C-alpha atoms as a PDB file:
ATOM      1  CA  UNK A   1      68.239  71.833  93.055  1.00  0.00           C
ATOM      2  CA  UNK A   2      67.540  68.250  92.475  1.00  0.00           C
ATOM      3  CA  UNK A   3      69.509  68.006  89.167  1.00  0.00           C
ATOM      4  CA  UNK A   4      72.578  69.389  90.758  1.00  0.00           C
ATOM      5  CA  UNK A   5      72.061  66.801  93.631  1.00  0.00           C
ATOM      6  CA  UNK A   6      71.926  64.219  91.140  1.00  0.00           C
ATOM      7  CA  UNK A   7      74.752  65.501  89.159  1.00  0.00           C
ATOM      8  CA  UNK A   8      76.826  65.740  92.450  1.00  0.00           C
ATOM      9  CA  UNK A   9      75.866  62.174  93.655  1.00  0.00           C
ATOM     10  CA  UNK A  10      76.999  60.961  90.009  1.00  0.00           C
ATOM     11  CA  UNK A  11      80.256  62.701  90.134  1.00  0.00           C
ATOM     12  CA  UNK A  12      80.968  61.464  93.582  1.00  0.00           C
ATOM     13  CA  UNK A  13      80.184  57.718  92.478  1.00  0.00           C
ATOM     14  CA  UNK A  14      82.490  58.255  89.538  1.00  0.00           C
ATOM     15  CA  UNK A  15      85.290  59.629  91.691  1.00  0.00           C
ATOM     16  CA  UNK A  16      84.747  56.958  94.363  1.00  0.00           C
ATOM     17  CA  UNK A  17      84.981  54.226  91.635  1.00  0.00           C
ATOM     18  CA  UNK A  18      88.148  55.812  90.235  1.00  0.00           C
ATOM     19  CA  UNK A  19      89.506  55.850  93.621  1.00  0.00           C
ATOM     20  CA  UNK A  20      88.401  52.196  94.464  1.00  0.00           C
ATOM     21  CA  UNK A  21      90.188  51.376  91.059  1.00  0.00           C
ATOM     22  CA  UNK A  22      93.458  53.299  92.260  1.00  0.00           C
ATOM     23  CA  UNK A  23      93.378  51.729  95.495  1.00  0.00           C
ATOM     24  CA  UNK A  24      93.042  48.232  94.181  1.00  0.00           C
ATOM     25  CA  UNK A  25      95.977  48.821  91.798  1.00  0.00           C
ATOM     26  CA  UNK A  26      97.986  50.386  94.457  1.00  0.00           C
ATOM     27  CA  UNK A  27      97.334  47.450  96.836  1.00  0.00           C
ATOM     28  CA  UNK A  28      98.661  45.133  94.204  1.00  0.00           C
ATOM     29  CA  UNK A  29     101.541  47.067  93.285  1.00  0.00           C
ATOM     30  CA  UNK A  30     102.402  47.419  96.859  1.00  0.00           C
ATOM     31  CA  UNK A  31     102.137  43.706  97.428  1.00  0.00           C
ATOM     32  CA  UNK A  32     104.280  42.786  94.492  1.00  0.00           C
ATOM     33  CA  UNK A  33     106.914  45.468  95.498  1.00  0.00           C
ATOM     34  CA  UNK A  34     106.956  43.954  99.179  1.00  0.00           C
ATOM     35  CA  UNK A  35     107.243  40.623  97.683  1.00  0.00           C
ATOM     36  CA  UNK A  36     110.101  41.658  95.273  1.00  0.00           C
ATOM     37  CA  UNK A  37     112.070  43.607  98.050  1.00  0.00           C
ATOM     38  CA  UNK A  38     111.358  41.139 100.782  1.00  0.00           C
ATOM     39  CA  UNK A  39     109.542  43.847 102.859  1.00  0.00           C
ATOM     40  CA  UNK A  40     106.943  41.796 104.210  1.00  0.00           C
ATOM     41  CA  UNK A  41     106.501  44.112 107.292  1.00  0.00           C
ATOM     42  CA  UNK A  42     105.979  47.030 104.973  1.00  0.00           C
ATOM     43  CA  UNK A  43     103.560  45.116 102.863  1.00  0.00           C
ATOM     44  CA  UNK A  44     101.275  43.977 105.989  1.00  0.00           C
ATOM     45  CA  UNK A  45     101.586  47.449 107.224  1.00  0.00           C
ATOM     46  CA  UNK A  46     100.055  48.824 104.232  1.00  0.00           C
ATOM     47  CA  UNK A  47      97.380  46.171 103.836  1.00  0.00           C
ATOM     48  CA  UNK A  48      96.597  46.083 107.881  1.00  0.00           C
ATOM     49  CA  UNK A  49      96.813  49.956 108.340  1.00  0.00           C
ATOM     50  CA  UNK A  50      97.047  52.048 105.333  1.00  0.00           C
ATOM     51  CA  UNK A  51      94.367  50.134 103.283  1.00  0.00           C
ATOM     52  CA  UNK A  52      91.518  50.691 106.155  1.00  0.00           C
ATOM     53  CA  UNK A  53      92.530  54.099 106.533  1.00  0.00           C
ATOM     54  CA  UNK A  54      92.204  55.082 102.891  1.00  0.00           C
ATOM     55  CA  UNK A  55      88.836  53.002 102.777  1.00  0.00           C
ATOM     56  CA  UNK A  56      87.579  55.044 105.683  1.00  0.00           C
ATOM     57  CA  UNK A  57      88.623  58.363 104.265  1.00  0.00           C
ATOM     58  CA  UNK A  58      87.215  57.937 100.946  1.00  0.00           C
ATOM     59  CA  UNK A  59      83.766  56.861 102.208  1.00  0.00           C
ATOM     60  CA  UNK A  60      83.705  59.262 105.450  1.00  0.00           C
ATOM     61  CA  UNK A  61      84.807  62.410 104.016  1.00  0.00           C
ATOM     62  CA  UNK A  62      81.968  63.502 102.303  1.00  0.00           C
ATOM     63  CA  UNK A  63      79.757  62.965 105.495  1.00  0.00           C
ATOM     64  CA  UNK A  64      82.274  64.739 107.835  1.00  0.00           C
ATOM     65  CA  UNK A  65      82.405  67.538 105.449  1.00  0.00           C
ATOM     66  CA  UNK A  66      78.627  67.963 105.181  1.00  0.00           C
ATOM     67  CA  UNK A  67      78.643  67.831 109.148  1.00  0.00           C
ATOM     68  CA  UNK A  68      81.390  70.347 109.397  1.00  0.00           C
ATOM     69  CA  UNK A  69      80.007  72.781 106.825  1.00  0.00           C
ATOM     70  CA  UNK A  70      76.516  72.672 108.632  1.00  0.00           C
ATOM     71  CA  UNK A  71      78.251  73.272 112.176  1.00  0.00           C
ATOM     72  CA  UNK A  72      80.164  76.202 110.566  1.00  0.00           C
ATOM     73  CA  UNK A  73      77.187  77.891 109.041  1.00  0.00           C
ATOM     74  CA  UNK A  74      75.451  77.477 112.383  1.00  0.00           C
ATOM     75  CA  UNK A  75      78.331  79.187 114.118  1.00  0.00           C
ATOM     76  CA  UNK A  76      78.466  81.963 111.667  1.00  0.00           C
ATOM     77  CA  UNK A  77      74.757  82.606 111.965  1.00  0.00           C
ATOM     78  CA  UNK A  78      75.307  82.904 115.485  1.00  0.00           C
ATOM     79  CA  UNK A  79      78.330  85.484 115.432  1.00  0.00           C
ATOM     80  CA  UNK A  80      76.613  87.383 112.679  1.00  0.00           C
ATOM     81  CA  UNK A  81      73.368  87.502 114.834  1.00  0.00           C
ATOM     82  CA  UNK A  82      75.290  89.429 117.572  1.00  0.00           C
ATOM     83  CA  UNK A  83      75.997  92.406 115.410  1.00  0.00           C
ATOM     84  CA  UNK A  84      72.230  93.474 114.463  1.00  0.00           C
ATOM     85  CA  UNK A  85      72.442  96.044 117.379  1.00  0.00           C
ATOM     86  CA  UNK A  86      75.734  97.567 116.059  1.00  0.00           C
ATOM     87  CA  UNK A  87      74.072  97.485 112.409  1.00  0.00           C
ATOM     88  CA  UNK A  88      71.120  99.799 113.779  1.00  0.00           C
ATOM     89  CA  UNK A  89      73.184 101.989 115.561  1.00  0.00           C
ATOM     90  CA  UNK A  90      75.514 102.613 112.770  1.00  0.00           C
ATOM     91  CA  UNK A  91      72.232 103.453 110.570  1.00  0.00           C
ATOM     92  CA  UNK A  92      71.362 105.703 113.356  1.00  0.00           C
ATOM     93  CA  UNK A  93      74.512 107.838 113.220  1.00  0.00           C
ATOM     94  CA  UNK A  94      74.502 108.107 109.251  1.00  0.00           C
ATOM     95  CA  UNK A  95      70.904 109.485 109.489  1.00  0.00           C
ATOM     96  CA  UNK A  96      71.779 112.072 112.116  1.00  0.00           C
ATOM     97  CA  UNK A  97      74.530 113.133 109.744  1.00  0.00           C
ATOM     98  CA  UNK A  98      71.789 115.001 107.714  1.00  0.00           C
ATOM     99  CA  UNK A  99      70.812 116.868 110.982  1.00  0.00           C
ATOM    100  CA  UNK A 100      74.370 117.948 111.836  1.00  0.00           C
ATOM    101  CA  UNK A 101      75.516 118.955 108.477  1.00  0.00           C
ATOM    102  CA  UNK A 102      74.199 120.339 105.185  1.00  0.00           C
ATOM    103  CA  UNK A 103      72.249 118.082 102.702  1.00  0.00           C
ATOM    104  CA  UNK A 104      75.036 117.869 100.261  1.00  0.00           C
ATOM    105  CA  UNK A 105      77.725 116.833 102.708  1.00  0.00           C
ATOM    106  CA  UNK A 106      75.217 114.134 104.118  1.00  0.00           C
ATOM    107  CA  UNK A 107      74.240 112.775 100.516  1.00  0.00           C
ATOM    108  CA  UNK A 108      78.046 112.611  99.754  1.00  0.00           C
ATOM    109  CA  UNK A 109      78.693 110.649 102.778  1.00  0.00           C
ATOM    110  CA  UNK A 110      75.983 108.210 102.284  1.00  0.00           C
ATOM    111  CA  UNK A 111      76.641 107.981  98.811  1.00  0.00           C
ATOM    112  CA  UNK A 112      80.399 106.852  99.679  1.00  0.00           C
ATOM    113  CA  UNK A 113      79.227 104.379 102.464  1.00  0.00           C
ATOM    114  CA  UNK A 114      76.850 102.775 100.091  1.00  0.00           C
ATOM    115  CA  UNK A 115      79.487 102.595  97.359  1.00  0.00           C
ATOM    116  CA  UNK A 116      81.915 100.929  99.798  1.00  0.00           C
ATOM    117  CA  UNK A 117      79.186  98.477 101.362  1.00  0.00           C
ATOM    118  CA  UNK A 118      78.229  97.487  97.806  1.00  0.00           C
ATOM    119  CA  UNK A 119      81.838  96.782  96.845  1.00  0.00           C
ATOM    120  CA  UNK A 120      82.640  94.960 100.191  1.00  0.00           C
ATOM    121  CA  UNK A 121      79.394  92.862  99.631  1.00  0.00           C
ATOM    122  CA  UNK A 122      80.589  91.823  95.994  1.00  0.00           C
ATOM    123  CA  UNK A 123      83.957  91.108  97.462  1.00  0.00           C
ATOM    124  CA  UNK A 124      82.219  88.754 100.048  1.00  0.00           C
ATOM    125  CA  UNK A 125      80.061  86.896  97.680  1.00  0.00           C
ATOM    126  CA  UNK A 126      82.949  86.186  95.403  1.00  0.00           C
ATOM    127  CA  UNK A 127      84.873  84.701  98.471  1.00  0.00           C
ATOM    128  CA  UNK A 128      82.144  82.533  99.439  1.00  0.00           C
ATOM    129  CA  UNK A 129      81.543  81.236  95.833  1.00  0.00           C
ATOM    130  CA  UNK A 130      85.084  80.503  95.442  1.00  0.00           C
ATOM    131  CA  UNK A 131      85.233  78.774  98.917  1.00  0.00           C
ATOM    132  CA  UNK A 132      82.120  76.638  97.852  1.00  0.00           C
ATOM    133  CA  UNK A 133      83.588  75.601  94.442  1.00  0.00           C
ATOM    134  CA  UNK A 134      87.105  74.768  96.280  1.00  0.00           C
ATOM    135  CA  UNK A 135      85.346  72.677  98.644  1.00  0.00           C
ATOM    136  CA  UNK A 136      83.458  70.614  96.017  1.00  0.00           C
ATOM    137  CA  UNK A 137      86.802  70.180  94.132  1.00  0.00           C
ATOM    138  CA  UNK A 138      88.675  69.129  97.238  1.00  0.00           C
ATOM    139  CA  UNK A 139      86.026  66.629  98.099  1.00  0.00           C
ATOM    140  CA  UNK A 140      85.618  65.447  94.439  1.00  0.00           C
ATOM    141  CA  UNK A 141      89.442  64.588  94.749  1.00  0.00           C
ATOM    142  CA  UNK A 142      89.568  63.295  98.030  1.00  0.00           C
ATOM    143  CA  UNK A 143      89.062  59.488  97.039  1.00  0.00           C
ATOM    144  CA  UNK A 144      91.803  59.675  94.617  1.00  0.00           C
ATOM    145  CA  UNK A 145      94.181  60.985  97.246  1.00  0.00           C
ATOM    146  CA  UNK A 146      93.089  58.612  99.820  1.00  0.00           C
ATOM    147  CA  UNK A 147      93.653  55.785  97.266  1.00  0.00           C
ATOM    148  CA  UNK A 148      97.179  57.125  96.551  1.00  0.00           C
ATOM    149  CA  UNK A 149      97.901  57.103 100.346  1.00  0.00           C
ATOM    150  CA  UNK A 150      98.988  53.386  99.950  1.00  0.00           C
ATOM    151  CA  UNK A 151     102.020  54.645  97.926  1.00  0.00           C
ATOM    152  CA  UNK A 152     104.855  55.807 100.152  1.00  0.00           C
ATOM    153  CA  UNK A 153     105.581  58.816  98.288  1.00  0.00           C
ATOM    154  CA  UNK A 154     102.174  60.469  98.589  1.00  0.00           C
ATOM    155  CA  UNK A 155     101.535  59.412 102.081  1.00  0.00           C
ATOM    156  CA  UNK A 156     101.393  62.970 102.964  1.00  0.00           C
ATOM    157  CA  UNK A 157      99.055  64.264 100.578  1.00  0.00           C
ATOM    158  CA  UNK A 158      95.930  63.055 102.484  1.00  0.00           C
ATOM    159  CA  UNK A 159      97.108  65.217 105.549  1.00  0.00           C
ATOM    160  CA  UNK A 160      97.568  68.376 103.186  1.00  0.00           C
ATOM    161  CA  UNK A 161      94.189  67.554 101.694  1.00  0.00           C
ATOM    162  CA  UNK A 162      92.435  67.404 105.050  1.00  0.00           C
ATOM    163  CA  UNK A 163      94.196  70.727 106.208  1.00  0.00           C
ATOM    164  CA  UNK A 164      93.082  72.370 103.208  1.00  0.00           C
ATOM    165  CA  UNK A 165      89.498  71.221 103.491  1.00  0.00           C
ATOM    166  CA  UNK A 166      89.185  72.193 107.214  1.00  0.00           C
ATOM    167  CA  UNK A 167      90.760  75.593 106.266  1.00  0.00           C
ATOM    168  CA  UNK A 168      88.233  76.108 103.591  1.00  0.00           C
ATOM    169  CA  UNK A 169      85.083  75.021 105.566  1.00  0.00           C
ATOM    170  CA  UNK A 170      86.319  77.088 108.643  1.00  0.00           C
ATOM    171  CA  UNK A 171      86.992  80.137 106.525  1.00  0.00           C
ATOM    172  CA  UNK A 172      83.373  81.149 106.748  1.00  0.00           C
ATOM    173  CA  UNK A 173      83.511  81.597 110.318  1.00  0.00           C
ATOM    174  CA  UNK A 174      86.335  83.634 110.020  1.00  0.00           C
ATOM    175  CA  UNK A 175      84.550  85.873 107.388  1.00  0.00           C
ATOM    176  CA  UNK A 176      81.873  86.263 109.572  1.00  0.00           C
END
Protein backbone atom coordinates (compact mmCIF):
# COMPACT_ATOMS: atom_id res chain seq x y z
CA UNK A 1 0.00 0.00 0.00
CA UNK A 2 2.88 2.37 0.79
CA UNK A 3 4.51 1.54 -2.54
CA UNK A 4 1.26 2.36 -4.37
CA UNK A 5 1.06 5.71 -2.55
CA UNK A 6 4.68 6.50 -3.45
CA UNK A 7 4.04 5.66 -7.11
CA UNK A 8 0.87 7.80 -7.08
CA UNK A 9 2.76 10.76 -5.58
CA UNK A 10 5.57 10.35 -8.12
CA UNK A 11 3.07 10.10 -10.99
CA UNK A 12 1.17 13.17 -9.80
CA UNK A 13 4.41 15.14 -9.48
CA UNK A 14 5.42 14.16 -13.01
CA UNK A 15 2.01 15.07 -14.38
CA UNK A 16 1.93 18.38 -12.52
CA UNK A 17 5.48 19.08 -13.73
CA UNK A 18 4.45 18.35 -17.32
CA UNK A 19 1.37 20.51 -16.85
CA UNK A 20 3.50 23.35 -15.47
CA UNK A 21 5.84 23.18 -18.47
CA UNK A 22 2.86 23.16 -20.84
CA UNK A 23 1.29 26.03 -18.88
CA UNK A 24 4.44 28.13 -19.18
CA UNK A 25 4.72 27.35 -22.87
CA UNK A 26 1.08 28.29 -23.51
CA UNK A 27 1.44 31.52 -21.52
CA UNK A 28 4.41 32.48 -23.66
CA UNK A 29 2.57 31.55 -26.87
CA UNK A 30 -0.49 33.50 -25.69
CA UNK A 31 1.60 36.59 -24.94
CA UNK A 32 3.36 36.34 -28.30
CA UNK A 33 0.06 35.84 -30.09
CA UNK A 34 -1.48 38.82 -28.27
CA UNK A 35 1.48 41.02 -29.18
CA UNK A 36 1.47 39.94 -32.83
CA UNK A 37 -2.29 40.28 -33.29
CA UNK A 38 -2.56 43.44 -31.22
CA UNK A 39 -5.07 41.79 -28.84
CA UNK A 40 -3.71 43.19 -25.60
CA UNK A 41 -7.05 42.75 -23.80
CA UNK A 42 -7.21 39.05 -24.64
CA UNK A 43 -3.60 38.61 -23.60
CA UNK A 44 -4.18 40.34 -20.25
CA UNK A 45 -7.39 38.36 -19.66
CA UNK A 46 -5.49 35.09 -20.17
CA UNK A 47 -2.76 36.14 -17.78
CA UNK A 48 -5.00 37.75 -15.15
CA UNK A 49 -7.90 35.28 -15.15
CA UNK A 50 -7.17 32.06 -17.05
CA UNK A 51 -3.67 31.54 -15.60
CA UNK A 52 -4.76 31.63 -11.91
CA UNK A 53 -7.78 29.44 -12.65
CA UNK A 54 -5.51 26.91 -14.37
CA UNK A 55 -3.02 26.90 -11.50
CA UNK A 56 -5.77 26.49 -8.88
CA UNK A 57 -7.29 23.69 -10.95
CA UNK A 58 -3.97 21.92 -11.30
CA UNK A 59 -3.14 22.15 -7.61
CA UNK A 60 -6.56 21.80 -5.98
CA UNK A 61 -8.17 19.07 -8.04
CA UNK A 62 -6.49 16.19 -6.21
CA UNK A 63 -7.59 17.47 -2.81
CA UNK A 64 -11.10 18.18 -4.04
CA UNK A 65 -11.32 14.71 -5.57
CA UNK A 66 -10.21 13.08 -2.31
CA UNK A 67 -12.84 15.02 -0.36
CA UNK A 68 -15.58 14.09 -2.86
CA UNK A 69 -14.58 10.41 -2.83
CA UNK A 70 -14.67 10.31 0.99
CA UNK A 71 -18.05 12.06 1.05
CA UNK A 72 -19.45 9.70 -1.57
CA UNK A 73 -18.12 6.68 0.34
CA UNK A 74 -19.78 7.90 3.55
CA UNK A 75 -23.09 8.57 1.81
CA UNK A 76 -22.97 5.19 0.06
CA UNK A 77 -22.35 3.42 3.37
CA UNK A 78 -25.28 5.27 4.89
CA UNK A 79 -27.57 4.29 1.99
CA UNK A 80 -26.46 0.65 2.11
CA UNK A 81 -26.89 0.55 5.89
CA UNK A 82 -30.61 1.16 5.45
CA UNK A 83 -31.04 -2.16 3.59
CA UNK A 84 -29.80 -4.59 6.27
CA UNK A 85 -33.35 -5.30 7.51
CA UNK A 86 -34.50 -5.93 3.93
CA UNK A 87 -31.67 -8.43 3.39
CA UNK A 88 -32.61 -10.29 6.58
CA UNK A 89 -36.27 -10.48 5.58
CA UNK A 90 -35.26 -11.73 2.11
CA UNK A 91 -33.20 -14.48 3.75
CA UNK A 92 -36.18 -15.42 5.90
CA UNK A 93 -38.43 -15.67 2.83
CA UNK A 94 -35.92 -17.86 0.98
CA UNK A 95 -35.56 -20.10 4.07
CA UNK A 96 -39.35 -20.43 4.31
CA UNK A 97 -39.44 -21.80 0.75
CA UNK A 98 -38.06 -25.07 2.11
CA UNK A 99 -41.06 -25.45 4.39
CA UNK A 100 -43.64 -24.51 1.75
CA UNK A 101 -42.39 -26.64 -1.12
CA UNK A 102 -40.45 -29.78 -1.73
CA UNK A 103 -36.75 -30.11 -1.06
CA UNK A 104 -35.76 -30.18 -4.75
CA UNK A 105 -37.77 -27.10 -5.70
CA UNK A 106 -36.30 -25.03 -2.90
CA UNK A 107 -32.76 -26.23 -3.68
CA UNK A 108 -33.22 -25.12 -7.30
CA UNK A 109 -34.58 -21.71 -6.23
CA UNK A 110 -31.71 -21.23 -3.79
CA UNK A 111 -29.21 -22.26 -6.49
CA UNK A 112 -30.68 -19.77 -9.00
CA UNK A 113 -30.77 -16.97 -6.43
CA UNK A 114 -27.18 -17.75 -5.44
CA UNK A 115 -26.03 -17.75 -9.05
CA UNK A 116 -27.74 -14.44 -9.76
CA UNK A 117 -26.23 -12.95 -6.60
CA UNK A 118 -22.71 -14.08 -7.51
CA UNK A 119 -23.01 -12.75 -11.08
CA UNK A 120 -24.42 -9.44 -9.85
CA UNK A 121 -21.58 -9.19 -7.33
CA UNK A 122 -18.97 -9.80 -10.04
CA UNK A 123 -20.50 -7.13 -12.27
CA UNK A 124 -20.62 -4.72 -9.34
CA UNK A 125 -16.97 -5.32 -8.46
CA UNK A 126 -15.96 -4.84 -12.10
CA UNK A 127 -17.90 -1.55 -12.25
CA UNK A 128 -16.22 -0.24 -9.10
CA UNK A 129 -12.74 -1.25 -10.30
CA UNK A 130 -13.26 0.49 -13.65
CA UNK A 131 -14.64 3.54 -11.82
CA UNK A 132 -11.55 3.76 -9.58
CA UNK A 133 -9.20 3.38 -12.54
CA UNK A 134 -11.01 6.09 -14.49
CA UNK A 135 -10.85 8.46 -11.51
CA UNK A 136 -7.08 7.97 -11.34
CA UNK A 137 -6.72 8.52 -15.08
CA UNK A 138 -8.83 11.69 -15.07
CA UNK A 139 -6.95 13.13 -12.08
CA UNK A 140 -3.61 12.24 -13.70
CA UNK A 141 -4.49 14.10 -16.92
CA UNK A 142 -6.12 17.04 -15.13
CA UNK A 143 -2.97 19.20 -14.90
CA UNK A 144 -2.44 18.90 -18.65
CA UNK A 145 -6.06 19.79 -19.36
CA UNK A 146 -5.96 22.79 -17.03
CA UNK A 147 -2.72 23.94 -18.61
CA UNK A 148 -4.30 23.67 -22.04
CA UNK A 149 -7.11 25.92 -20.77
CA UNK A 150 -4.97 28.91 -21.75
CA UNK A 151 -5.32 27.98 -25.41
CA UNK A 152 -8.72 29.28 -26.57
CA UNK A 153 -9.50 26.20 -28.65
CA UNK A 154 -9.20 23.88 -25.63
CA UNK A 155 -10.84 26.09 -23.02
CA UNK A 156 -13.95 23.90 -22.71
CA UNK A 157 -11.96 20.74 -22.04
CA UNK A 158 -11.48 21.56 -18.36
CA UNK A 159 -15.25 21.88 -17.88
CA UNK A 160 -15.81 18.51 -19.53
CA UNK A 161 -13.06 16.97 -17.40
CA UNK A 162 -14.70 18.27 -14.21
CA UNK A 163 -18.11 16.99 -15.36
CA UNK A 164 -16.62 13.56 -16.03
CA UNK A 165 -14.82 13.50 -12.69
CA UNK A 166 -17.94 14.43 -10.72
CA UNK A 167 -19.96 11.80 -12.61
CA UNK A 168 -17.34 9.14 -11.87
CA UNK A 169 -17.14 10.02 -8.18
CA UNK A 170 -20.92 10.18 -7.69
CA UNK A 171 -21.53 6.96 -9.64
CA UNK A 172 -20.75 4.95 -6.50
CA UNK A 173 -23.64 6.63 -4.73
CA UNK A 174 -25.89 5.82 -7.67
CA UNK A 175 -24.72 2.19 -7.63
CA UNK A 176 -25.40 2.00 -3.89
